[in-house]
């Protein structure tokens, strides 16, 4: 039986997060910020812009800052937690 040693891989690669396209995350942030799929969701938008910024997408950080200007501290904290959870799960 084959044995696969995943200790040589980082967590993001094992979970698949390394393969998620930053442009897709940016688009999801825009959709959430503009309410294209229903109500505007600034928490989700902030989370997606944060993740896109981590992928090096130009403009993601400024979009995140714009959205943060319309959010409470509690909402920003929820968005940051959601981004950390997303990275853990993906």
C-alpha atoms as a PDB file:
ATOM      1  CA  UNK A   1       0.000   0.000   0.000  1.00  0.00           C
ATOM      2  CA  UNK A   2       1.303   3.462  -0.892  1.00  0.00           C
ATOM      3  CA  UNK A   3       2.010   5.951   1.843  1.00  0.00           C
ATOM      4  CA  UNK A   4       1.653   9.663   1.151  1.00  0.00           C
ATOM      5  CA  UNK A   5       3.653  11.897   3.445  1.00  0.00           C
ATOM      6  CA  UNK A   6       1.920  15.276   3.505  1.00  0.00           C
ATOM      7  CA  UNK A   7       4.278  16.729   6.099  1.00  0.00           C
ATOM      8  CA  UNK A   8       6.357  18.158   3.251  1.00  0.00           C
ATOM      9  CA  UNK A   9       3.452  20.325   2.064  1.00  0.00           C
ATOM     10  CA  UNK A  10       2.288  23.565   3.571  1.00  0.00           C
ATOM     11  CA  UNK A  11      -1.275  23.772   4.880  1.00  0.00           C
ATOM     12  CA  UNK A  12      -2.503  26.039   2.072  1.00  0.00           C
ATOM     13  CA  UNK A  13      -1.318  23.624  -0.604  1.00  0.00           C
ATOM     14  CA  UNK A  14      -2.855  20.624   1.138  1.00  0.00           C
ATOM     15  CA  UNK A  15      -6.184  22.381   1.672  1.00  0.00           C
ATOM     16  CA  UNK A  16      -6.387  23.727  -1.878  1.00  0.00           C
ATOM     17  CA  UNK A  17      -6.235  27.449  -0.977  1.00  0.00           C
ATOM     18  CA  UNK A  18      -3.060  27.837  -3.018  1.00  0.00           C
ATOM     19  CA  UNK A  19      -5.028  26.974  -6.153  1.00  0.00           C
ATOM     20  CA  UNK A  20      -7.838  29.514  -5.731  1.00  0.00           C
ATOM     21  CA  UNK A  21      -7.400  32.306  -8.267  1.00  0.00           C
ATOM     22  CA  UNK A  22      -7.071  35.756  -6.702  1.00  0.00           C
ATOM     23  CA  UNK A  23      -9.097  37.275  -9.539  1.00  0.00           C
ATOM     24  CA  UNK A  24     -12.022  35.048  -8.561  1.00  0.00           C
ATOM     25  CA  UNK A  25     -11.747  36.254  -4.967  1.00  0.00           C
ATOM     26  CA  UNK A  26     -11.697  39.858  -6.209  1.00  0.00           C
ATOM     27  CA  UNK A  27     -14.820  39.249  -8.300  1.00  0.00           C
ATOM     28  CA  UNK A  28     -16.593  37.675  -5.318  1.00  0.00           C
ATOM     29  CA  UNK A  29     -15.691  40.747  -3.264  1.00  0.00           C
ATOM     30  CA  UNK A  30     -17.115  43.056  -5.913  1.00  0.00           C
ATOM     31  CA  UNK A  31     -20.304  41.009  -6.145  1.00  0.00           C
ATOM     32  CA  UNK A  32     -20.775  41.159  -2.369  1.00  0.00           C
ATOM     33  CA  UNK A  33     -19.944  44.888  -2.181  1.00  0.00           C
ATOM     34  CA  UNK A  34     -22.398  45.773  -4.941  1.00  0.00           C
ATOM     35  CA  UNK A  35     -25.144  43.362  -3.902  1.00  0.00           C
ATOM     36  CA  UNK A  36     -25.136  41.593  -7.263  1.00  0.00           C
ATOM     37  CA  UNK A  37     -26.439  38.377  -5.691  1.00  0.00           C
ATOM     38  CA  UNK A  38     -28.978  39.983  -3.365  1.00  0.00           C
ATOM     39  CA  UNK A  39     -28.338  42.329  -0.476  1.00  0.00           C
ATOM     40  CA  UNK A  40     -25.011  44.121  -0.103  1.00  0.00           C
ATOM     41  CA  UNK A  41     -22.736  42.135   2.250  1.00  0.00           C
ATOM     42  CA  UNK A  42     -19.828  44.311   3.357  1.00  0.00           C
ATOM     43  CA  UNK A  43     -18.457  41.653   5.720  1.00  0.00           C
ATOM     44  CA  UNK A  44     -18.169  39.151   2.863  1.00  0.00           C
ATOM     45  CA  UNK A  45     -16.782  41.829   0.551  1.00  0.00           C
ATOM     46  CA  UNK A  46     -14.073  42.761   3.067  1.00  0.00           C
ATOM     47  CA  UNK A  47     -13.205  39.080   3.545  1.00  0.00           C
ATOM     48  CA  UNK A  48     -12.878  38.420  -0.196  1.00  0.00           C
ATOM     49  CA  UNK A  49     -10.874  41.604  -0.815  1.00  0.00           C
ATOM     50  CA  UNK A  50      -8.572  40.625   2.046  1.00  0.00           C
ATOM     51  CA  UNK A  51      -8.036  37.164   0.528  1.00  0.00           C
ATOM     52  CA  UNK A  52      -7.500  38.656  -2.950  1.00  0.00           C
ATOM     53  CA  UNK A  53      -4.939  41.060  -1.497  1.00  0.00           C
ATOM     54  CA  UNK A  54      -3.074  38.106   0.038  1.00  0.00           C
ATOM     55  CA  UNK A  55      -2.929  36.670  -3.497  1.00  0.00           C
ATOM     56  CA  UNK A  56      -1.340  39.895  -4.765  1.00  0.00           C
ATOM     57  CA  UNK A  57      -4.294  41.241  -6.739  1.00  0.00           C
ATOM     58  CA  UNK A  58      -3.856  44.924  -7.611  1.00  0.00           C
ATOM     59  CA  UNK A  59      -6.593  47.101  -6.173  1.00  0.00           C
ATOM     60  CA  UNK A  60      -7.807  44.567  -3.610  1.00  0.00           C
ATOM     61  CA  UNK A  61      -6.307  46.443  -0.659  1.00  0.00           C
ATOM     62  CA  UNK A  62      -7.868  49.747  -1.707  1.00  0.00           C
ATOM     63  CA  UNK A  63     -11.253  48.102  -2.243  1.00  0.00           C
ATOM     64  CA  UNK A  64     -10.965  46.551   1.223  1.00  0.00           C
ATOM     65  CA  UNK A  65     -10.168  49.977   2.711  1.00  0.00           C
ATOM     66  CA  UNK A  66     -13.142  51.570   0.938  1.00  0.00           C
ATOM     67  CA  UNK A  67     -15.482  48.897   2.259  1.00  0.00           C
ATOM     68  CA  UNK A  68     -13.978  49.132   5.764  1.00  0.00           C
ATOM     69  CA  UNK A  69     -14.832  52.842   5.796  1.00  0.00           C
ATOM     70  CA  UNK A  70     -18.508  51.883   5.751  1.00  0.00           C
ATOM     71  CA  UNK A  71     -18.232  49.159   8.420  1.00  0.00           C
ATOM     72  CA  UNK A  72     -18.256  49.117  12.208  1.00  0.00           C
ATOM     73  CA  UNK A  73     -15.317  47.732  14.166  1.00  0.00           C
ATOM     74  CA  UNK A  74     -17.396  44.660  15.004  1.00  0.00           C
ATOM     75  CA  UNK A  75     -18.135  44.038  11.316  1.00  0.00           C
ATOM     76  CA  UNK A  76     -14.453  44.369  10.420  1.00  0.00           C
ATOM     77  CA  UNK A  77     -13.573  41.907  13.174  1.00  0.00           C
ATOM     78  CA  UNK A  78     -16.160  39.456  11.776  1.00  0.00           C
ATOM     79  CA  UNK A  79     -14.686  39.850   8.292  1.00  0.00           C
ATOM     80  CA  UNK A  80     -11.154  39.196   9.540  1.00  0.00           C
ATOM     81  CA  UNK A  81     -12.315  36.105  11.444  1.00  0.00           C
ATOM     82  CA  UNK A  82     -14.145  34.880   8.350  1.00  0.00           C
ATOM     83  CA  UNK A  83     -10.987  35.287   6.250  1.00  0.00           C
ATOM     84  CA  UNK A  84      -8.945  33.303   8.782  1.00  0.00           C
ATOM     85  CA  UNK A  85     -11.606  30.581   8.855  1.00  0.00           C
ATOM     86  CA  UNK A  86     -11.692  30.485   5.049  1.00  0.00           C
ATOM     87  CA  UNK A  87      -7.937  29.983   4.962  1.00  0.00           C
ATOM     88  CA  UNK A  88      -8.240  27.194   7.534  1.00  0.00           C
ATOM     89  CA  UNK A  89     -10.962  25.418   5.575  1.00  0.00           C
ATOM     90  CA  UNK A  90      -9.595  25.961   2.093  1.00  0.00           C
END
